[in-house]
C-alpha atoms as a PDB file:
ATOM      1  CA  MET A   1     -20.486  16.854 -21.273  1.00  0.00           C
ATOM      2  CA  ALA A   2     -22.329  15.418 -24.267  1.00  0.00           C
ATOM      3  CA  LEU A   3     -25.774  13.942 -23.670  1.00  0.00           C
ATOM      4  CA  LEU A   4     -27.747  11.388 -25.623  1.00  0.00           C
ATOM      5  CA  ARG A   5     -31.504  11.046 -25.598  1.00  0.00           C
ATOM      6  CA  VAL A   6     -32.830   7.492 -25.576  1.00  0.00           C
ATOM      7  CA  TRP A   7     -36.427   7.092 -26.827  1.00  0.00           C
ATOM      8  CA  VAL A   8     -38.315   3.979 -25.837  1.00  0.00           C
ATOM      9  CA  TYR A   9     -41.564   3.407 -27.717  1.00  0.00           C
ATOM     10  CA  GLY A  10     -43.244   6.658 -26.787  1.00  0.00           C
ATOM     11  CA  CYS A  11     -42.097   6.680 -23.175  1.00  0.00           C
ATOM     12  CA  VAL A  12     -40.562   9.741 -21.603  1.00  0.00           C
ATOM     13  CA  SER A  13     -37.052  10.206 -22.969  1.00  0.00           C
ATOM     14  CA  ILE A  14     -34.060   9.270 -20.847  1.00  0.00           C
ATOM     15  CA  TRP A  15     -30.944  11.448 -20.894  1.00  0.00           C
ATOM     16  CA  VAL A  16     -27.589   9.727 -20.429  1.00  0.00           C
ATOM     17  CA  CYS A  17     -23.994  10.905 -20.693  1.00  0.00           C
ATOM     18  CA  ALA A  18     -22.477  10.081 -24.054  1.00  0.00           C
ATOM     19  CA  HIS A  19     -19.109   9.159 -22.560  1.00  0.00           C
ATOM     20  CA  MET A  20     -20.606   7.129 -19.705  1.00  0.00           C
ATOM     21  CA  ASP A  21     -19.251   3.602 -19.536  1.00  0.00           C
ATOM     22  CA  PHE A  22     -22.373   1.462 -19.656  1.00  0.00           C
ATOM     23  CA  ARG A  23     -20.604  -1.887 -19.585  1.00  0.00           C
ATOM     24  CA  PRO A  24     -22.087  -4.268 -18.675  1.00  0.00           C
ATOM     25  CA  GLU A  25     -24.423  -2.811 -21.277  1.00  0.00           C
ATOM     26  CA  LEU A  26     -28.172  -2.598 -20.766  1.00  0.00           C
ATOM     27  CA  SER A  27     -30.520  -4.464 -23.031  1.00  0.00           C
ATOM     28  CA  LEU A  28     -33.304  -2.552 -24.763  1.00  0.00           C
ATOM     29  CA  ARG A  29     -35.829  -4.461 -22.643  1.00  0.00           C
ATOM     30  CA  GLN A  30     -34.094  -3.312 -19.467  1.00  0.00           C
ATOM     31  CA  VAL A  31     -34.242   0.309 -20.630  1.00  0.00           C
ATOM     32  CA  GLU A  32     -37.914  -0.194 -21.538  1.00  0.00           C
ATOM     33  CA  TRP A  33     -38.582  -1.629 -18.080  1.00  0.00           C
ATOM     34  CA  LEU A  34     -36.981   1.362 -16.361  1.00  0.00           C
ATOM     35  CA  CYS A  35     -38.962   3.756 -18.530  1.00  0.00           C
ATOM     36  CA  SER A  36     -42.269   1.950 -18.037  1.00  0.00           C
ATOM     37  CA  HIS A  37     -41.728   2.055 -14.266  1.00  0.00           C
ATOM     38  CA  ASP A  38     -40.938   5.795 -14.363  1.00  0.00           C
ATOM     39  CA  TYR A  39     -37.240   5.477 -13.514  1.00  0.00           C
ATOM     40  CA  VAL A  40     -34.684   7.862 -15.000  1.00  0.00           C
ATOM     41  CA  ILE A  41     -31.004   6.954 -15.172  1.00  0.00           C
ATOM     42  CA  VAL A  42     -28.914   9.497 -13.255  1.00  0.00           C
ATOM     43  CA  SER A  43     -25.429   8.021 -13.311  1.00  0.00           C
ATOM     44  CA  PHE A  44     -23.378   4.856 -13.356  1.00  0.00           C
ATOM     45  CA  ILE A  45     -22.217   3.686  -9.911  1.00  0.00           C
ATOM     46  CA  ALA A  46     -20.259   0.463 -10.214  1.00  0.00           C
ATOM     47  CA  ARG A  47     -19.420  -2.373 -12.552  1.00  0.00           C
ATOM     48  CA  GLY A  48     -18.856  -6.040 -11.761  1.00  0.00           C
ATOM     49  CA  MET A  49     -18.101  -9.118 -13.818  1.00  0.00           C
ATOM     50  CA  ASN A  50     -21.763  -9.946 -14.374  1.00  0.00           C
ATOM     51  CA  ALA A  51     -23.733  -6.827 -13.514  1.00  0.00           C
ATOM     52  CA  GLY A  52     -23.662  -3.081 -13.116  1.00  0.00           C
ATOM     53  CA  VAL A  53     -25.302  -0.715 -10.642  1.00  0.00           C
ATOM     54  CA  TRP A  54     -26.930   2.536 -11.765  1.00  0.00           C
ATOM     55  CA  LEU A  55     -28.245   5.447  -9.770  1.00  0.00           C
ATOM     56  CA  VAL A  56     -31.837   6.038 -10.881  1.00  0.00           C
ATOM     57  CA  SER A  57     -34.509   8.498  -9.802  1.00  0.00           C
ATOM     58  CA  LYS A  58     -38.274   8.254  -9.470  1.00  0.00           C
ATOM     59  CA  ASN A  59     -40.650  10.863  -8.072  1.00  0.00           C
ATOM     60  CA  GLY A  60     -37.726  12.875  -6.736  1.00  0.00           C
ATOM     61  CA  LYS A  61     -36.128   9.965  -4.883  1.00  0.00           C
ATOM     62  CA  TRP A  62     -32.916   8.108  -5.668  1.00  0.00           C
ATOM     63  CA  TYR A  63     -32.555   4.350  -5.881  1.00  0.00           C
ATOM     64  CA  ALA A  64     -29.859   1.865  -6.868  1.00  0.00           C
ATOM     65  CA  ALA A  65     -30.745  -0.352  -9.830  1.00  0.00           C
ATOM     66  CA  LYS A  66     -28.624  -3.458 -10.299  1.00  0.00           C
ATOM     67  CA  MET A  67     -28.925  -5.025 -13.740  1.00  0.00           C
ATOM     68  CA  SER A  68     -27.004  -7.984 -15.063  1.00  0.00           C
ATOM     69  CA  HIS A  69     -25.084  -7.943 -18.312  1.00  0.00           C
ATOM     70  CA  ARG A  70     -27.194  -9.378 -21.111  1.00  0.00           C
ATOM     71  CA  LYS A  71     -24.236 -11.655 -21.930  1.00  0.00           C
ATOM     72  CA  SER A  72     -23.737 -12.759 -18.326  1.00  0.00           C
ATOM     73  CA  THR A  73     -23.131 -16.484 -17.938  1.00  0.00           C
ATOM     74  CA  ARG A  74     -24.545 -16.631 -14.414  1.00  0.00           C
ATOM     75  CA  VAL A  75     -27.933 -18.332 -14.523  1.00  0.00           C
ATOM     76  CA  ARG A  76     -30.800 -16.837 -12.477  1.00  0.00           C
ATOM     77  CA  MET A  77     -28.398 -14.367 -10.887  1.00  0.00           C
ATOM     78  CA  THR A  78     -31.009 -11.728 -10.057  1.00  0.00           C
ATOM     79  CA  GLU A  79     -33.500 -14.279  -8.756  1.00  0.00           C
ATOM     80  CA  LYS A  80     -30.893 -15.682  -6.376  1.00  0.00           C
ATOM     81  CA  GLU A  81     -29.710 -12.288  -5.198  1.00  0.00           C
ATOM     82  CA  VAL A  82     -33.271 -11.155  -4.523  1.00  0.00           C
ATOM     83  CA  LEU A  83     -33.842 -14.257  -2.388  1.00  0.00           C
ATOM     84  CA  HIS A  84     -30.667 -13.633  -0.387  1.00  0.00           C
ATOM     85  CA  LEU A  85     -31.384  -9.923   0.034  1.00  0.00           C
ATOM     86  CA  GLU A  86     -34.929 -10.695   1.165  1.00  0.00           C
ATOM     87  CA  MET A  87     -33.465 -12.969   3.844  1.00  0.00           C
ATOM     88  CA  ALA A  88     -31.057 -10.205   4.875  1.00  0.00           C
ATOM     89  CA  ASN A  89     -33.850  -7.602   4.962  1.00  0.00           C
ATOM     90  CA  VAL A  90     -35.809  -9.800   7.365  1.00  0.00           C
ATOM     91  CA  LEU A  91     -32.754  -9.567   9.630  1.00  0.00           C
ATOM     92  CA  SER A  92     -32.650  -5.754   9.157  1.00  0.00           C
ATOM     93  CA  VAL A  93     -29.463  -6.048   7.107  1.00  0.00           C
ATOM     94  CA  GLY A  94     -28.723  -4.782   3.597  1.00  0.00           C
ATOM     95  CA  PRO A  95     -30.392  -2.198   1.363  1.00  0.00           C
ATOM     96  CA  ARG A  96     -34.178  -2.458   1.284  1.00  0.00           C
ATOM     97  CA  ILE A  97     -35.638  -4.044  -1.839  1.00  0.00           C
ATOM     98  CA  VAL A  98     -37.939  -1.647  -3.716  1.00  0.00           C
ATOM     99  CA  GLU A  99     -38.965  -3.845  -6.644  1.00  0.00           C
ATOM    100  CA  CYS A 100     -37.473  -6.377  -9.015  1.00  0.00           C
ATOM    101  CA  ASP A 101     -37.975  -8.289 -12.234  1.00  0.00           C
ATOM    102  CA  ALA A 102     -36.082 -11.574 -12.329  1.00  0.00           C
ATOM    103  CA  LEU A 103     -36.957 -12.129 -15.988  1.00  0.00           C
ATOM    104  CA  GLU A 104     -35.278  -8.867 -17.025  1.00  0.00           C
ATOM    105  CA  ASN A 105     -32.548  -9.236 -14.381  1.00  0.00           C
ATOM    106  CA  ILE A 106     -33.354  -5.957 -12.648  1.00  0.00           C
ATOM    107  CA  LEU A 107     -33.189  -5.305  -8.913  1.00  0.00           C
ATOM    108  CA  VAL A 108     -34.122  -1.855  -7.600  1.00  0.00           C
ATOM    109  CA  MET A 109     -32.989  -1.158  -4.061  1.00  0.00           C
ATOM    110  CA  GLU A 110     -32.682   1.570  -1.495  1.00  0.00           C
ATOM    111  CA  TYR A 111     -29.736   3.789  -2.438  1.00  0.00           C
ATOM    112  CA  ILE A 112     -27.068   3.840   0.251  1.00  0.00           C
ATOM    113  CA  ARG A 113     -25.000   6.998  -0.026  1.00  0.00           C
ATOM    114  CA  GLY A 114     -21.684   6.508   1.683  1.00  0.00           C
ATOM    115  CA  LYS A 115     -18.038   5.510   1.565  1.00  0.00           C
ATOM    116  CA  THR A 116     -16.693   1.992   1.460  1.00  0.00           C
ATOM    117  CA  LEU A 117     -15.555   0.764   4.849  1.00  0.00           C
ATOM    118  CA  ALA A 118     -12.018   0.645   3.438  1.00  0.00           C
ATOM    119  CA  THR A 119     -12.118   4.352   2.567  1.00  0.00           C
ATOM    120  CA  TRP A 120     -13.783   5.240   5.856  1.00  0.00           C
ATOM    121  CA  LEU A 121     -11.106   3.402   7.851  1.00  0.00           C
ATOM    122  CA  ASN A 122      -8.331   5.198   5.994  1.00  0.00           C
ATOM    123  CA  GLU A 123      -9.898   8.616   6.591  1.00  0.00           C
ATOM    124  CA  ASN A 124     -11.183   8.221  10.148  1.00  0.00           C
ATOM    125  CA  ASN A 125      -9.003   9.406  13.024  1.00  0.00           C
ATOM    126  CA  SER A 126     -11.529   9.076  15.835  1.00  0.00           C
ATOM    127  CA  LYS A 127     -11.101   6.171  18.219  1.00  0.00           C
ATOM    128  CA  LYS A 128     -14.653   6.674  19.474  1.00  0.00           C
ATOM    129  CA  LEU A 129     -16.192   6.531  15.997  1.00  0.00           C
ATOM    130  CA  LEU A 130     -14.047   3.537  15.074  1.00  0.00           C
ATOM    131  CA  LYS A 131     -15.417   1.565  18.015  1.00  0.00           C
ATOM    132  CA  VAL A 132     -18.987   2.576  17.116  1.00  0.00           C
ATOM    133  CA  VAL A 133     -18.695   1.548  13.462  1.00  0.00           C
ATOM    134  CA  LEU A 134     -16.940  -1.740  14.259  1.00  0.00           C
ATOM    135  CA  LYS A 135     -19.577  -2.606  16.846  1.00  0.00           C
ATOM    136  CA  ARG A 136     -22.361  -1.921  14.357  1.00  0.00           C
ATOM    137  CA  VAL A 137     -20.841  -3.850  11.464  1.00  0.00           C
ATOM    138  CA  PHE A 138     -20.030  -6.868  13.638  1.00  0.00           C
ATOM    139  CA  ALA A 139     -23.610  -6.798  14.955  1.00  0.00           C
ATOM    140  CA  GLN A 140     -24.898  -7.040  11.368  1.00  0.00           C
ATOM    141  CA  ALA A 141     -22.491  -9.870  10.581  1.00  0.00           C
ATOM    142  CA  GLN A 142     -23.704 -11.679  13.688  1.00  0.00           C
ATOM    143  CA  LYS A 143     -27.311 -11.305  12.528  1.00  0.00           C
ATOM    144  CA  LEU A 144     -26.409 -12.909   9.200  1.00  0.00           C
ATOM    145  CA  ASP A 145     -24.642 -15.770  10.973  1.00  0.00           C
ATOM    146  CA  GLU A 146     -27.651 -16.364  13.212  1.00  0.00           C
ATOM    147  CA  GLY A 147     -29.929 -16.202  10.160  1.00  0.00           C
ATOM    148  CA  LYS A 148     -27.807 -18.890   8.431  1.00  0.00           C
ATOM    149  CA  LEU A 149     -26.937 -16.602   5.512  1.00  0.00           C
ATOM    150  CA  ASP A 150     -23.307 -16.405   4.429  1.00  0.00           C
ATOM    151  CA  HIS A 151     -22.508 -13.225   2.528  1.00  0.00           C
ATOM    152  CA  GLY A 152     -19.385 -14.689   0.989  1.00  0.00           C
ATOM    153  CA  GLN A 153     -17.577 -11.405   0.304  1.00  0.00           C
ATOM    154  CA  LEU A 154     -17.224  -9.508   3.565  1.00  0.00           C
ATOM    155  CA  GLY A 155     -13.438  -9.666   3.783  1.00  0.00           C
ATOM    156  CA  GLY A 156     -10.936  -8.694   1.152  1.00  0.00           C
ATOM    157  CA  LYS A 157     -10.960  -5.019   0.220  1.00  0.00           C
ATOM    158  CA  LEU A 158     -14.091  -4.262   2.299  1.00  0.00           C
ATOM    159  CA  HIS A 159     -15.893  -2.800  -0.723  1.00  0.00           C
ATOM    160  CA  ASN A 160     -19.170  -4.509   0.171  1.00  0.00           C
ATOM    161  CA  ILE A 161     -19.702  -2.453   3.307  1.00  0.00           C
ATOM    162  CA  LEU A 162     -20.712   1.198   3.010  1.00  0.00           C
ATOM    163  CA  VAL A 163     -20.612   3.733   5.846  1.00  0.00           C
ATOM    164  CA  ASP A 164     -23.103   6.588   5.557  1.00  0.00           C
ATOM    165  CA  ALA A 165     -22.837  10.165   6.818  1.00  0.00           C
ATOM    166  CA  LYS A 166     -24.250   9.135  10.206  1.00  0.00           C
ATOM    167  CA  ASN A 167     -21.551   6.464  10.578  1.00  0.00           C
ATOM    168  CA  ASN A 168     -23.987   3.625  10.056  1.00  0.00           C
ATOM    169  CA  PRO A 169     -22.466   0.674   8.163  1.00  0.00           C
ATOM    170  CA  HIS A 170     -24.505  -1.109   5.498  1.00  0.00           C
ATOM    171  CA  ILE A 171     -23.644  -4.522   4.087  1.00  0.00           C
ATOM    172  CA  ILE A 172     -24.396  -4.602   0.353  1.00  0.00           C
ATOM    173  CA  ASP A 173     -24.076  -6.912  -2.671  1.00  0.00           C
ATOM    174  CA  PHE A 174     -25.602 -10.292  -1.842  1.00  0.00           C
ATOM    175  CA  GLU A 175     -24.949 -11.656  -5.326  1.00  0.00           C
ATOM    176  CA  LYS A 176     -22.713 -14.476  -4.051  1.00  0.00           C
ATOM    177  CA  ALA A 177     -24.460 -15.070  -0.734  1.00  0.00           C
ATOM    178  CA  SER A 178     -25.639 -18.541   0.246  1.00  0.00           C
ATOM    179  CA  TYR A 179     -27.937 -20.154   2.789  1.00  0.00           C
ATOM    180  CA  VAL A 180     -26.325 -23.528   2.015  1.00  0.00           C
ATOM    181  CA  ARG A 181     -22.742 -22.693   3.003  1.00  0.00           C
ATOM    182  CA  LYS A 182     -21.833 -22.506   6.649  1.00  0.00           C
ATOM    183  CA  PRO A 183     -22.065 -18.807   7.562  1.00  0.00           C
ATOM    184  CA  ARG A 184     -18.684 -17.241   8.308  1.00  0.00           C
ATOM    185  CA  ASN A 185     -19.562 -13.563   8.277  1.00  0.00           C
ATOM    186  CA  VAL A 186     -18.142 -12.691  11.693  1.00  0.00           C
ATOM    187  CA  ASN A 187     -15.014 -14.752  11.073  1.00  0.00           C
ATOM    188  CA  SER A 188     -14.480 -13.078   7.698  1.00  0.00           C
ATOM    189  CA  LEU A 189     -14.667  -9.650   9.317  1.00  0.00           C
ATOM    190  CA  LYS A 190     -12.353 -10.670  12.140  1.00  0.00           C
ATOM    191  CA  HIS A 191      -9.741 -11.817   9.651  1.00  0.00           C
ATOM    192  CA  ALA A 192      -9.991  -8.627   7.592  1.00  0.00           C
ATOM    193  CA  LEU A 193     -10.208  -6.195  10.495  1.00  0.00           C
ATOM    194  CA  LEU A 194      -8.471  -7.748  13.491  1.00  0.00           C
ATOM    195  CA  SER A 195      -5.986 -10.377  12.324  1.00  0.00           C
ATOM    196  CA  GLY A 196      -3.014  -8.034  12.130  1.00  0.00           C
ATOM    197  CA  HIS A 197      -2.208  -9.329   8.646  1.00  0.00           C
ATOM    198  CA  THR A 198      -3.993  -6.633   6.618  1.00  0.00           C
ATOM    199  CA  GLY A 199      -3.446  -2.901   6.319  1.00  0.00           C
ATOM    200  CA  PHE A 200      -6.877  -2.291   7.819  1.00  0.00           C
ATOM    201  CA  SER A 201      -6.191  -4.442  10.876  1.00  0.00           C
ATOM    202  CA  VAL A 202      -2.791  -2.826  11.447  1.00  0.00           C
ATOM    203  CA  ARG A 203      -4.405   0.613  11.521  1.00  0.00           C
ATOM    204  CA  ILE A 204      -7.185  -0.577  13.830  1.00  0.00           C
ATOM    205  CA  ARG A 205      -4.692  -2.149  16.236  1.00  0.00           C
ATOM    206  CA  GLU A 206      -2.725   1.094  16.289  1.00  0.00           C
ATOM    207  CA  MET A 207      -5.840   3.051  17.285  1.00  0.00           C
ATOM    208  CA  LEU A 208      -7.479   0.664  19.756  1.00  0.00           C
ATOM    209  CA  SER A 209      -6.149  -0.816  22.974  1.00  0.00           C
ATOM    210  CA  PRO A 210      -5.998  -4.597  23.604  1.00  0.00           C
ATOM    211  CA  GLY A 211      -8.984  -4.153  25.897  1.00  0.00           C
ATOM    212  CA  ASP A 212     -10.991  -2.483  23.149  1.00  0.00           C
ATOM    213  CA  LEU A 213     -10.099  -5.246  20.694  1.00  0.00           C
ATOM    214  CA  ARG A 214     -11.156  -8.041  23.043  1.00  0.00           C
ATOM    215  CA  VAL A 215     -14.752  -6.858  22.709  1.00  0.00           C
ATOM    216  CA  PHE A 216     -14.691  -7.879  19.032  1.00  0.00           C
ATOM    217  CA  GLU A 217     -12.460 -10.932  19.290  1.00  0.00           C
END
């Protein structure tokens, strides 16, 4: 695995994989910001249309750094996401904000190590654990509804919910959240998980009894 050393005006050098796909690419100022705040890039986690998420380390701890593409057309994207995530954090939902810089479009958060809910559902064979995880994720969705914050992307492929090693679900990615829209977090989850029209809901209905399902419906 080839490595490249990136020097930033006398800061400690950062090692990155030469073949690593860094699109959306980082600006020099974003790399400078990471260096000046003692963060080291560990690996690339995920890429979206307007931003990417990197695993970074500082003082022996791992964090997730979300940074928008320098050519992104979304105005004030980081500023808006920070506001929405702050609202979610007040409700004890979402990864904890560590620090941010709206001008450089950088958001450093708690790193959630886990599987997407979609992957977890496909791999899990325990009825007991399924009920526990569903109860916990619906409780978080209910908190968002009561806090008047609509996530906006809780259904679909369920990639915005991570389940950690202790079977705790975590709702992530508040980029398209809104406190203006009517919150439909619980309804979005019900459609994705319980409607009977998706692969996830079919599997859940096969594992749980009608009585179990009524708790969530």
